[in-house]
Amino acid sequence: AVVSTQSGHYGRGLVPLLLKYLFDLHEMALPIESFSDFEKHVLHYKRDKVVVVDYWSASCGDCIVLAPFFYQQVELYPRLNFFEVDVDEVSEVKNWEKIKELPTIKFYKFGVALEKIEGGNQDTISAALRKWSA
């Protein structure tokens, strides 16, 4: 069963709850669980707000290490919309976006990709978040 609509990495089970409480997180990235979710929240999103998507996998150690940092950014940048895609669960989105390296963070506006960051470099991600939230 899905923990909540804001369940976070490992969208199901005990892990998102542990991450949330271990890191005192109040907000989490919303999971994209289908290609239609991706279309609705990313490709067809028409508001003047940048969308940030974390592409990850449970088998990716760097993705798991990045998760608490990524969730903290949700609280720091309320002007951005944060989502995450488990590429093992929603491979159609992975293929559509041609995701080759994990983790990958992409920024979108009006359905257009603005920036792509491959790897879990927190300084690079932070700089991009500051840039796109301005």
Protein backbone atom coordinates (compact mmCIF):
# COMPACT_ATOMS: atom_id res chain seq x y z
CA ALA A 1 0.00 0.00 0.00
CA VAL A 2 1.14 3.53 -0.70
CA VAL A 3 2.10 5.32 2.52
CA SER A 4 0.62 8.64 1.39
CA THR A 5 0.45 10.88 -1.65
CA GLN A 6 3.68 12.41 -0.36
CA SER A 7 5.40 9.12 0.35
CA GLY A 8 8.82 9.79 -1.10
CA HIS A 9 11.54 7.40 -2.30
CA TYR A 10 10.42 3.81 -2.01
CA GLY A 11 6.86 5.12 -2.42
CA ARG A 12 5.56 2.12 -0.47
CA GLY A 13 6.35 0.64 2.92
CA LEU A 14 8.30 1.65 5.98
CA VAL A 15 11.33 3.39 4.40
CA PRO A 16 9.60 6.71 3.57
CA LEU A 17 8.28 6.93 7.11
CA LEU A 18 11.73 6.29 8.55
CA LEU A 19 13.33 8.93 6.30
CA LYS A 20 10.63 11.42 7.20
CA TYR A 21 11.05 11.00 10.94
CA LEU A 22 14.82 10.49 11.01
CA PHE A 23 15.37 13.75 9.16
CA ASP A 24 12.38 15.62 10.66
CA LEU A 25 10.88 16.22 7.23
CA HIS A 26 7.41 17.69 6.87
CA GLU A 27 7.16 17.82 3.09
CA MET A 28 8.22 15.21 0.59
CA ALA A 29 8.39 15.12 -3.20
CA LEU A 30 5.24 13.73 -4.76
CA PRO A 31 5.71 10.41 -6.54
CA ILE A 32 4.90 10.15 -10.24
CA GLU A 33 3.45 6.67 -10.56
CA SER A 34 2.43 6.55 -14.23
CA PHE A 35 3.08 8.22 -17.55
CA SER A 36 -0.25 10.03 -17.25
CA ASP A 37 0.93 11.47 -13.89
CA PHE A 38 4.09 12.64 -15.66
CA GLU A 39 2.06 14.26 -18.42
CA LYS A 40 -0.21 16.00 -15.92
CA HIS A 41 2.43 17.26 -13.49
CA VAL A 42 5.36 17.86 -15.85
CA LEU A 43 4.68 17.85 -19.60
CA HIS A 44 1.31 19.60 -19.51
CA TYR A 45 1.85 21.76 -16.43
CA LYS A 46 1.03 25.29 -17.58
CA ARG A 47 1.52 27.39 -14.45
CA ASP A 48 4.43 29.77 -14.15
CA LYS A 49 6.26 27.52 -11.70
CA VAL A 50 9.37 25.40 -12.16
CA VAL A 51 8.93 21.65 -11.70
CA VAL A 52 11.83 19.63 -10.26
CA VAL A 53 11.91 15.88 -10.91
CA ASP A 54 14.25 13.40 -9.21
CA TYR A 55 14.74 10.23 -11.27
CA TRP A 56 15.90 7.44 -8.96
CA SER A 57 15.97 3.71 -8.33
CA ALA A 58 15.98 1.61 -5.17
CA SER A 59 19.05 -0.21 -6.52
CA CYS A 60 21.02 3.06 -6.85
CA GLY A 61 23.11 3.76 -3.75
CA ASP A 62 23.70 7.41 -4.71
CA CYS A 63 19.94 7.87 -5.07
CA ILE A 64 19.34 6.65 -1.53
CA VAL A 65 22.10 8.89 -0.18
CA LEU A 66 20.60 11.89 -2.03
CA ALA A 67 17.03 11.30 -0.78
CA PRO A 68 17.21 13.13 2.59
CA PHE A 69 18.95 16.11 0.95
CA PHE A 70 16.34 16.23 -1.84
CA TYR A 71 13.48 16.11 0.67
CA GLN A 72 15.01 18.96 2.66
CA GLN A 73 15.02 21.06 -0.51
CA VAL A 74 11.24 20.65 -0.78
CA GLU A 75 10.90 22.64 2.43
CA LEU A 76 13.56 25.19 1.48
CA TYR A 77 12.10 26.01 -1.95
CA PRO A 78 8.30 26.20 -1.67
CA ARG A 79 8.13 28.15 -4.96
CA LEU A 80 9.18 25.00 -6.83
CA ASN A 81 7.11 21.85 -7.41
CA PHE A 82 9.02 18.67 -6.47
CA PHE A 83 8.29 15.22 -7.89
CA GLU A 84 10.14 11.95 -8.09
CA VAL A 85 10.09 9.05 -10.53
CA ASP A 86 11.13 5.54 -9.56
CA VAL A 87 12.54 4.52 -12.96
CA ASP A 88 12.08 0.83 -12.14
CA GLU A 89 8.36 1.36 -11.54
CA VAL A 90 7.67 3.90 -14.32
CA SER A 91 10.09 2.86 -17.06
CA GLU A 92 7.96 4.57 -19.72
CA VAL A 93 8.91 7.95 -18.23
CA LYS A 94 12.57 6.90 -17.99
CA ASN A 95 12.57 5.95 -21.67
CA TRP A 96 10.65 9.08 -22.73
CA GLU A 97 13.14 11.30 -20.91
CA LYS A 98 16.14 9.19 -22.01
CA ILE A 99 17.43 8.85 -18.44
CA LYS A 100 20.79 7.06 -18.59
CA GLU A 101 22.41 7.91 -15.24
CA LEU A 102 21.02 7.88 -11.72
CA PRO A 103 20.26 9.93 -9.86
CA THR A 104 19.18 12.52 -12.42
CA ILE A 105 17.47 15.77 -11.46
CA LYS A 106 15.62 17.67 -14.18
CA PHE A 107 14.02 21.11 -14.09
CA TYR A 108 11.01 21.93 -16.28
CA LYS A 109 8.82 24.92 -17.01
CA PHE A 110 5.70 24.79 -19.17
CA GLY A 111 6.65 21.18 -20.01
CA VAL A 112 10.08 22.12 -21.40
CA ALA A 113 13.28 20.79 -19.82
CA LEU A 114 15.41 23.67 -18.55
CA GLU A 115 18.32 21.83 -16.96
CA LYS A 116 19.52 18.28 -16.31
CA ILE A 117 21.90 17.25 -13.52
CA GLU A 118 23.26 13.72 -13.58
CA GLY A 119 24.73 12.39 -10.36
CA GLY A 120 24.14 13.35 -6.77
CA ASN A 121 26.39 16.42 -6.41
CA GLN A 122 24.52 18.40 -3.76
CA ASP A 123 26.35 21.67 -4.47
CA THR A 124 25.38 21.52 -8.15
CA ILE A 125 21.78 20.68 -7.28
CA SER A 126 21.62 23.48 -4.68
CA ALA A 127 22.95 26.02 -7.18
CA ALA A 128 20.33 24.99 -9.74
CA LEU A 129 17.54 25.17 -7.16
CA ARG A 130 18.60 28.69 -6.19
CA LYS A 131 18.73 29.70 -9.84
CA TRP A 132 15.31 28.33 -10.78
CA SER A 133 13.55 29.55 -7.63
CA ALA A 134 14.63 33.17 -8.17
